[in-house]
């Protein structure tokens, strides 16, 4: 009798299909020939924006009028991509994208969250002016009398992501009220309040352990203007103090009021994964 040919045993797992015939995840990415390679190019308008020359829209106009060259050649093509090692020049000057900087401030009272103020009031930029060799901007806003965690960066893409409602970035506030919060009002807040600009839902609210019942912790992801103050004002409470203790996983632990620090690589990586 003719013996059947024996196949060599292998430790590799075969390519299975699920019950509904949809392929499962392949175990061996090296065998997948259609996996796209990482694209390390950058659109020219984005390159100019990262270098602090102009916004992306303004950069498009600069490209159109022939003010930008790559490797000695004037580029007027929209969507042109710069490769690593390319020499980019604007008005004859070689430029490079700015290094990304991430700074965390424990904001004190009486500073407004803006880059400049026509009334001459103190701004948060005065507190971080020596934190970076490049221009950085606050991510979101804290009103003048609100203290706590405030992030600054020149990474426009990350700032946009952290302030966009769809990413539901978590914020936690410590609230001091002018009087004790009634349990019935706490339940109203938990159930959702109808404000002038629509219904607002909080993620969580509770009394601060070991503190009087006029101190409350509130977790929220909404970025609406003055939303925490408005929640309590709607129920006839005045907010005496408002302190943001957490933003996107970042806390002010060991950071004195009015002081700043640079984020760690681990913190930056975490923000980019949100």
Foldseek 3Di string as FASTA:
>chain_A
DDDDDDDDDDPDDDFDADPVRHTDDHPDPVPDPPDDDDDPKAFPLVFCVQQVNDHSVVSLVQLCVQQKDKQPHGHNDGRDIHDPPIFIDGNRHTTGGDDKFKKKAFAAAQAWQDPDDPVPTHHLCVLCVPVDPDDKHWQATDGRQATFIIMIISPPVLSCLQQDLVNLKKWKKKWAWPDADDPVLLVVQCVWDQDPVGTAHWPDKDADPPDGRRIMMTMHRDRDPPVVQRSVVVVVIGTPYMYTQDTNRDGCPPPDHSHMDTDDPVVVVSSVVD
